[in-house]
C-alpha atoms as a PDB file:
ATOM      1  CA  UNK A   1     -27.300 -16.931 -13.922  1.00  0.00           C
ATOM      2  CA  UNK A   2     -28.953 -13.940 -12.292  1.00  0.00           C
ATOM      3  CA  UNK A   3     -27.397 -11.698  -9.691  1.00  0.00           C
ATOM      4  CA  UNK A   4     -29.122 -13.370  -6.752  1.00  0.00           C
ATOM      5  CA  UNK A   5     -27.460 -16.663  -7.673  1.00  0.00           C
ATOM      6  CA  UNK A   6     -24.593 -15.845  -5.337  1.00  0.00           C
ATOM      7  CA  UNK A   7     -26.959 -17.270  -2.741  1.00  0.00           C
ATOM      8  CA  UNK A   8     -26.096 -20.691  -4.136  1.00  0.00           C
ATOM      9  CA  UNK A   9     -22.758 -20.515  -2.333  1.00  0.00           C
ATOM     10  CA  UNK A  10     -23.248 -17.981   0.490  1.00  0.00           C
ATOM     11  CA  UNK A  11     -24.934 -20.471   2.891  1.00  0.00           C
ATOM     12  CA  UNK A  12     -22.018 -22.874   2.407  1.00  0.00           C
ATOM     13  CA  UNK A  13     -19.518 -20.056   3.050  1.00  0.00           C
ATOM     14  CA  UNK A  14     -21.471 -19.096   6.188  1.00  0.00           C
ATOM     15  CA  UNK A  15     -21.275 -22.675   7.471  1.00  0.00           C
ATOM     16  CA  UNK A  16     -17.581 -23.050   6.643  1.00  0.00           C
ATOM     17  CA  UNK A  17     -16.646 -19.783   8.365  1.00  0.00           C
ATOM     18  CA  UNK A  18     -18.652 -20.687  11.445  1.00  0.00           C
ATOM     19  CA  UNK A  19     -16.880 -24.039  11.607  1.00  0.00           C
ATOM     20  CA  UNK A  20     -13.536 -22.225  11.478  1.00  0.00           C
ATOM     21  CA  UNK A  21     -14.585 -19.919  14.318  1.00  0.00           C
ATOM     22  CA  UNK A  22     -15.460 -16.788  12.300  1.00  0.00           C
ATOM     23  CA  UNK A  23     -18.713 -15.049  13.186  1.00  0.00           C
ATOM     24  CA  UNK A  24     -20.622 -13.400  10.345  1.00  0.00           C
ATOM     25  CA  UNK A  25     -20.872  -9.606  10.366  1.00  0.00           C
ATOM     26  CA  UNK A  26     -22.448  -7.281   7.830  1.00  0.00           C
ATOM     27  CA  UNK A  27     -21.174  -6.764   4.282  1.00  0.00           C
ATOM     28  CA  UNK A  28     -20.048 -10.367   3.788  1.00  0.00           C
ATOM     29  CA  UNK A  29     -17.328 -10.277   6.406  1.00  0.00           C
ATOM     30  CA  UNK A  30     -16.573 -12.750   9.172  1.00  0.00           C
ATOM     31  CA  UNK A  31     -14.644 -11.903  12.354  1.00  0.00           C
ATOM     32  CA  UNK A  32     -12.714 -14.039  14.828  1.00  0.00           C
ATOM     33  CA  UNK A  33     -11.186 -12.494  17.980  1.00  0.00           C
ATOM     34  CA  UNK A  34      -7.605 -13.679  18.404  1.00  0.00           C
ATOM     35  CA  UNK A  35      -6.983 -12.119  21.805  1.00  0.00           C
ATOM     36  CA  UNK A  36      -7.892  -8.843  23.514  1.00  0.00           C
ATOM     37  CA  UNK A  37      -5.844  -6.883  20.962  1.00  0.00           C
ATOM     38  CA  UNK A  38      -6.451  -8.534  17.595  1.00  0.00           C
ATOM     39  CA  UNK A  39      -9.460  -9.463  15.488  1.00  0.00           C
ATOM     40  CA  UNK A  40      -8.977 -11.562  12.349  1.00  0.00           C
ATOM     41  CA  UNK A  41     -11.320 -11.063   9.417  1.00  0.00           C
ATOM     42  CA  UNK A  42     -12.334 -12.880   6.250  1.00  0.00           C
ATOM     43  CA  UNK A  43     -13.838 -10.450   3.756  1.00  0.00           C
ATOM     44  CA  UNK A  44     -15.667 -11.938   0.787  1.00  0.00           C
ATOM     45  CA  UNK A  45     -16.771 -10.152  -2.375  1.00  0.00           C
ATOM     46  CA  UNK A  46     -19.122 -11.338  -5.114  1.00  0.00           C
ATOM     47  CA  UNK A  47     -18.741  -9.957  -8.629  1.00  0.00           C
ATOM     48  CA  UNK A  48     -20.148 -10.804 -12.041  1.00  0.00           C
ATOM     49  CA  UNK A  49     -17.813  -8.880 -14.357  1.00  0.00           C
ATOM     50  CA  UNK A  50     -20.535  -8.832 -16.998  1.00  0.00           C
ATOM     51  CA  UNK A  51     -21.071 -12.582 -16.959  1.00  0.00           C
ATOM     52  CA  UNK A  52     -24.571 -14.078 -16.857  1.00  0.00           C
ATOM     53  CA  UNK A  53     -23.221 -17.523 -16.058  1.00  0.00           C
ATOM     54  CA  UNK A  54     -20.748 -17.007 -13.217  1.00  0.00           C
ATOM     55  CA  UNK A  55     -20.426 -15.229  -9.917  1.00  0.00           C
ATOM     56  CA  UNK A  56     -16.811 -14.714  -8.920  1.00  0.00           C
ATOM     57  CA  UNK A  57     -16.020 -15.087  -5.240  1.00  0.00           C
ATOM     58  CA  UNK A  58     -13.090 -13.019  -3.964  1.00  0.00           C
ATOM     59  CA  UNK A  59     -11.439 -13.283  -0.550  1.00  0.00           C
ATOM     60  CA  UNK A  60      -9.338 -10.809   1.454  1.00  0.00           C
ATOM     61  CA  UNK A  61      -7.619 -11.495   4.761  1.00  0.00           C
ATOM     62  CA  UNK A  62      -7.682  -8.655   7.257  1.00  0.00           C
ATOM     63  CA  UNK A  63      -6.492  -7.903  10.786  1.00  0.00           C
ATOM     64  CA  UNK A  64      -7.634  -5.252  13.259  1.00  0.00           C
ATOM     65  CA  UNK A  65      -5.406  -4.247  16.151  1.00  0.00           C
ATOM     66  CA  UNK A  66      -7.770  -2.768  18.701  1.00  0.00           C
ATOM     67  CA  UNK A  67      -5.154  -0.925  20.787  1.00  0.00           C
ATOM     68  CA  UNK A  68      -3.841   0.801  17.686  1.00  0.00           C
ATOM     69  CA  UNK A  69      -7.303   1.847  16.520  1.00  0.00           C
ATOM     70  CA  UNK A  70      -8.309   3.157  19.952  1.00  0.00           C
ATOM     71  CA  UNK A  71      -5.116   5.199  20.304  1.00  0.00           C
ATOM     72  CA  UNK A  72      -5.620   6.661  16.834  1.00  0.00           C
ATOM     73  CA  UNK A  73      -9.182   7.677  17.736  1.00  0.00           C
ATOM     74  CA  UNK A  74      -7.962   9.206  20.992  1.00  0.00           C
ATOM     75  CA  UNK A  75      -5.238  11.307  19.375  1.00  0.00           C
ATOM     76  CA  UNK A  76      -7.567  12.655  16.706  1.00  0.00           C
ATOM     77  CA  UNK A  77     -10.295  13.163  19.360  1.00  0.00           C
ATOM     78  CA  UNK A  78     -12.660  11.216  17.151  1.00  0.00           C
ATOM     79  CA  UNK A  79     -16.136  10.589  18.557  1.00  0.00           C
ATOM     80  CA  UNK A  80     -18.138   7.605  17.395  1.00  0.00           C
ATOM     81  CA  UNK A  81     -17.411   4.278  15.745  1.00  0.00           C
ATOM     82  CA  UNK A  82     -16.968   5.213  12.086  1.00  0.00           C
ATOM     83  CA  UNK A  83     -13.273   6.065  12.222  1.00  0.00           C
ATOM     84  CA  UNK A  84     -11.528   5.252   8.940  1.00  0.00           C
ATOM     85  CA  UNK A  85     -10.027   1.827   9.417  1.00  0.00           C
ATOM     86  CA  UNK A  86      -6.476   1.014   8.475  1.00  0.00           C
ATOM     87  CA  UNK A  87      -5.550  -2.535   9.340  1.00  0.00           C
ATOM     88  CA  UNK A  88      -8.951  -3.926   8.467  1.00  0.00           C
ATOM     89  CA  UNK A  89      -8.363  -2.660   4.923  1.00  0.00           C
ATOM     90  CA  UNK A  90      -5.259  -4.777   4.420  1.00  0.00           C
ATOM     91  CA  UNK A  91      -5.543  -6.780   1.230  1.00  0.00           C
ATOM     92  CA  UNK A  92      -3.036  -9.575   0.867  1.00  0.00           C
ATOM     93  CA  UNK A  93      -2.945 -11.475  -2.373  1.00  0.00           C
ATOM     94  CA  UNK A  94       0.382 -13.274  -2.105  1.00  0.00           C
ATOM     95  CA  UNK A  95       2.277 -13.985  -5.299  1.00  0.00           C
ATOM     96  CA  UNK A  96      -0.688 -15.151  -7.379  1.00  0.00           C
ATOM     97  CA  UNK A  97      -3.904 -13.078  -7.144  1.00  0.00           C
ATOM     98  CA  UNK A  98      -5.808 -15.750  -9.072  1.00  0.00           C
ATOM     99  CA  UNK A  99      -5.541 -18.012  -6.038  1.00  0.00           C
ATOM    100  CA  UNK A 100      -7.980 -15.723  -4.239  1.00  0.00           C
ATOM    101  CA  UNK A 101     -10.850 -15.907  -6.754  1.00  0.00           C
ATOM    102  CA  UNK A 102     -13.269 -18.709  -7.514  1.00  0.00           C
ATOM    103  CA  UNK A 103     -15.780 -18.835 -10.364  1.00  0.00           C
ATOM    104  CA  UNK A 104     -19.133 -20.359  -9.455  1.00  0.00           C
ATOM    105  CA  UNK A 105     -21.766 -21.291 -12.040  1.00  0.00           C
ATOM    106  CA  UNK A 106     -25.254 -22.678 -11.442  1.00  0.00           C
ATOM    107  CA  UNK A 107     -23.899 -26.134 -12.286  1.00  0.00           C
ATOM    108  CA  UNK A 108     -20.784 -25.853 -10.129  1.00  0.00           C
ATOM    109  CA  UNK A 109     -19.888 -28.396  -7.473  1.00  0.00           C
ATOM    110  CA  UNK A 110     -20.314 -26.082  -4.486  1.00  0.00           C
ATOM    111  CA  UNK A 111     -18.637 -28.547  -2.117  1.00  0.00           C
ATOM    112  CA  UNK A 112     -15.544 -28.562  -4.321  1.00  0.00           C
ATOM    113  CA  UNK A 113     -15.441 -24.751  -4.376  1.00  0.00           C
ATOM    114  CA  UNK A 114     -15.821 -24.593  -0.602  1.00  0.00           C
ATOM    115  CA  UNK A 115     -13.012 -27.131  -0.233  1.00  0.00           C
ATOM    116  CA  UNK A 116     -10.769 -24.855  -2.302  1.00  0.00           C
ATOM    117  CA  UNK A 117     -11.669 -21.770  -0.276  1.00  0.00           C
ATOM    118  CA  UNK A 118     -11.165 -23.602   3.004  1.00  0.00           C
ATOM    119  CA  UNK A 119      -7.753 -24.850   1.874  1.00  0.00           C
ATOM    120  CA  UNK A 120      -6.754 -21.298   0.958  1.00  0.00           C
ATOM    121  CA  UNK A 121      -7.826 -19.977   4.363  1.00  0.00           C
ATOM    122  CA  UNK A 122      -5.887 -22.647   6.216  1.00  0.00           C
ATOM    123  CA  UNK A 123      -2.747 -22.516   4.059  1.00  0.00           C
ATOM    124  CA  UNK A 124      -2.602 -18.780   3.238  1.00  0.00           C
ATOM    125  CA  UNK A 125      -4.955 -16.955   5.591  1.00  0.00           C
ATOM    126  CA  UNK A 126      -3.605 -18.461   8.784  1.00  0.00           C
ATOM    127  CA  UNK A 127      -0.079 -17.592   7.653  1.00  0.00           C
ATOM    128  CA  UNK A 128      -1.165 -13.982   7.132  1.00  0.00           C
ATOM    129  CA  UNK A 129      -2.842 -13.813  10.544  1.00  0.00           C
ATOM    130  CA  UNK A 130       0.204 -15.276  12.297  1.00  0.00           C
ATOM    131  CA  UNK A 131       2.511 -12.725  10.676  1.00  0.00           C
ATOM    132  CA  UNK A 132       0.390  -9.721  11.609  1.00  0.00           C
ATOM    133  CA  UNK A 133      -0.204 -10.954  15.162  1.00  0.00           C
ATOM    134  CA  UNK A 134       3.476 -10.199  15.757  1.00  0.00           C
ATOM    135  CA  UNK A 135       3.594  -6.616  17.007  1.00  0.00           C
ATOM    136  CA  UNK A 136       7.111  -5.890  15.709  1.00  0.00           C
ATOM    137  CA  UNK A 137       6.214  -7.207  12.250  1.00  0.00           C
ATOM    138  CA  UNK A 138       3.002  -5.189  12.167  1.00  0.00           C
ATOM    139  CA  UNK A 139       4.739  -2.011  13.334  1.00  0.00           C
ATOM    140  CA  UNK A 140       7.511  -2.319  10.762  1.00  0.00           C
ATOM    141  CA  UNK A 141       5.064  -2.864   7.928  1.00  0.00           C
ATOM    142  CA  UNK A 142       3.126   0.265   8.940  1.00  0.00           C
ATOM    143  CA  UNK A 143       6.108   2.602   9.290  1.00  0.00           C
ATOM    144  CA  UNK A 144       7.637   1.263   6.054  1.00  0.00           C
ATOM    145  CA  UNK A 145       4.434   2.092   4.203  1.00  0.00           C
ATOM    146  CA  UNK A 146       3.781  -1.547   3.309  1.00  0.00           C
ATOM    147  CA  UNK A 147       0.300  -1.585   4.835  1.00  0.00           C
ATOM    148  CA  UNK A 148      -2.507   0.123   2.849  1.00  0.00           C
ATOM    149  CA  UNK A 149      -3.434   3.024   5.071  1.00  0.00           C
ATOM    150  CA  UNK A 150      -5.572   6.181   4.981  1.00  0.00           C
ATOM    151  CA  UNK A 151      -3.142   7.968   7.350  1.00  0.00           C
ATOM    152  CA  UNK A 152       0.231   6.259   7.311  1.00  0.00           C
ATOM    153  CA  UNK A 153       1.881   8.991   9.377  1.00  0.00           C
ATOM    154  CA  UNK A 154      -0.716   8.910  12.144  1.00  0.00           C
ATOM    155  CA  UNK A 155      -0.925   5.150  12.374  1.00  0.00           C
ATOM    156  CA  UNK A 156       2.860   4.863  12.221  1.00  0.00           C
ATOM    157  CA  UNK A 157       3.209   7.249  15.157  1.00  0.00           C
ATOM    158  CA  UNK A 158       0.622   5.250  17.118  1.00  0.00           C
ATOM    159  CA  UNK A 159       2.410   1.980  16.364  1.00  0.00           C
ATOM    160  CA  UNK A 160       5.768   3.387  17.439  1.00  0.00           C
ATOM    161  CA  UNK A 161       4.283   4.820  20.628  1.00  0.00           C
ATOM    162  CA  UNK A 162       2.850   1.446  21.578  1.00  0.00           C
ATOM    163  CA  UNK A 163       6.097  -0.353  20.690  1.00  0.00           C
ATOM    164  CA  UNK A 164       8.918   2.077  21.466  1.00  0.00           C
ATOM    165  CA  UNK A 165       7.424   4.971  23.456  1.00  0.00           C
ATOM    166  CA  UNK A 166       6.607   8.630  22.952  1.00  0.00           C
ATOM    167  CA  UNK A 167      10.021   9.955  21.894  1.00  0.00           C
ATOM    168  CA  UNK A 168      10.258   7.585  18.916  1.00  0.00           C
ATOM    169  CA  UNK A 169       6.658   8.331  17.959  1.00  0.00           C
ATOM    170  CA  UNK A 170       7.184  12.108  18.018  1.00  0.00           C
ATOM    171  CA  UNK A 171      10.420  11.865  16.035  1.00  0.00           C
ATOM    172  CA  UNK A 172       8.674   9.755  13.385  1.00  0.00           C
ATOM    173  CA  UNK A 173       5.714  12.136  13.161  1.00  0.00           C
ATOM    174  CA  UNK A 174       7.859  15.279  12.952  1.00  0.00           C
ATOM    175  CA  UNK A 175      10.114  13.716  10.321  1.00  0.00           C
ATOM    176  CA  UNK A 176       7.052  12.726   8.318  1.00  0.00           C
ATOM    177  CA  UNK A 177       5.728  16.287   8.395  1.00  0.00           C
ATOM    178  CA  UNK A 178       9.147  17.567   7.313  1.00  0.00           C
ATOM    179  CA  UNK A 179       9.235  15.215   4.322  1.00  0.00           C
ATOM    180  CA  UNK A 180       5.681  16.157   3.373  1.00  0.00           C
ATOM    181  CA  UNK A 181       6.582  19.878   3.558  1.00  0.00           C
ATOM    182  CA  UNK A 182       9.606  19.375   1.306  1.00  0.00           C
ATOM    183  CA  UNK A 183       7.504  17.437  -1.185  1.00  0.00           C
ATOM    184  CA  UNK A 184       4.876  20.178  -1.274  1.00  0.00           C
ATOM    185  CA  UNK A 185       7.530  22.864  -1.718  1.00  0.00           C
ATOM    186  CA  UNK A 186       8.915  21.031  -4.747  1.00  0.00           C
ATOM    187  CA  UNK A 187       5.424  21.141  -6.227  1.00  0.00           C
ATOM    188  CA  UNK A 188       5.201  24.852  -5.536  1.00  0.00           C
ATOM    189  CA  UNK A 189       2.489  24.399  -2.924  1.00  0.00           C
ATOM    190  CA  UNK A 190       2.197  25.135   0.780  1.00  0.00           C
ATOM    191  CA  UNK A 191       1.637  22.328   3.262  1.00  0.00           C
ATOM    192  CA  UNK A 192      -1.313  23.006   5.552  1.00  0.00           C
ATOM    193  CA  UNK A 193       0.548  22.122   8.734  1.00  0.00           C
ATOM    194  CA  UNK A 194      -2.357  23.205  10.916  1.00  0.00           C
ATOM    195  CA  UNK A 195      -4.101  20.015   9.851  1.00  0.00           C
ATOM    196  CA  UNK A 196      -1.402  18.019  11.635  1.00  0.00           C
ATOM    197  CA  UNK A 197      -1.417  20.131  14.794  1.00  0.00           C
ATOM    198  CA  UNK A 198      -4.269  18.516  16.804  1.00  0.00           C
ATOM    199  CA  UNK A 199      -2.723  15.058  16.463  1.00  0.00           C
ATOM    200  CA  UNK A 200       0.762  16.425  17.148  1.00  0.00           C
ATOM    201  CA  UNK A 201      -0.377  18.225  20.324  1.00  0.00           C
ATOM    202  CA  UNK A 202      -2.196  15.188  21.669  1.00  0.00           C
ATOM    203  CA  UNK A 203       0.747  12.926  20.863  1.00  0.00           C
ATOM    204  CA  UNK A 204       3.023  15.151  22.950  1.00  0.00           C
ATOM    205  CA  UNK A 205       0.571  15.017  25.866  1.00  0.00           C
ATOM    206  CA  UNK A 206       0.748  11.242  26.117  1.00  0.00           C
ATOM    207  CA  UNK A 207       2.619   9.840  29.131  1.00  0.00           C
END
């Protein structure tokens, strides 16, 4: 099985996702707007792991909250569309990661594989989407550090501002800087607090 054999299943995945309301984007991802704030995403990966006979299909469920991303861009004064994404990088495997991989050989019953993937989306993916569409749940997961994140402190402050207002957001951000400073001091290093200052200043300017 050569590397281009993933094309044996990609057209069927395209059709299944379209039927479920997910529009194909680049890099094997499929988006579905939930409302004006949320976009749900199916993110597929295709790996060979050294095998000549199988392509392994992986699936991640992801959620973007557009208000959160826009506020984060605004506070960091980021120009453009390539801001590092936080919520869209959520990977959720549940209790059994093997449930999110499917091996496909050239002789595989593609319809059977697609049936398995579809069942997983409906039984596991929709559950994930429903949980993260709840703003309080999403906010708590961010501030508790339970969401993979390139800037937990910044996104946590944004989430708290949108949920609880500026005072809570500032308190969270300042406390986070304090903890980071103490951690650096234990390591015998100096925290570069000036890196936090632009975000901190803009956060305090919010209404």
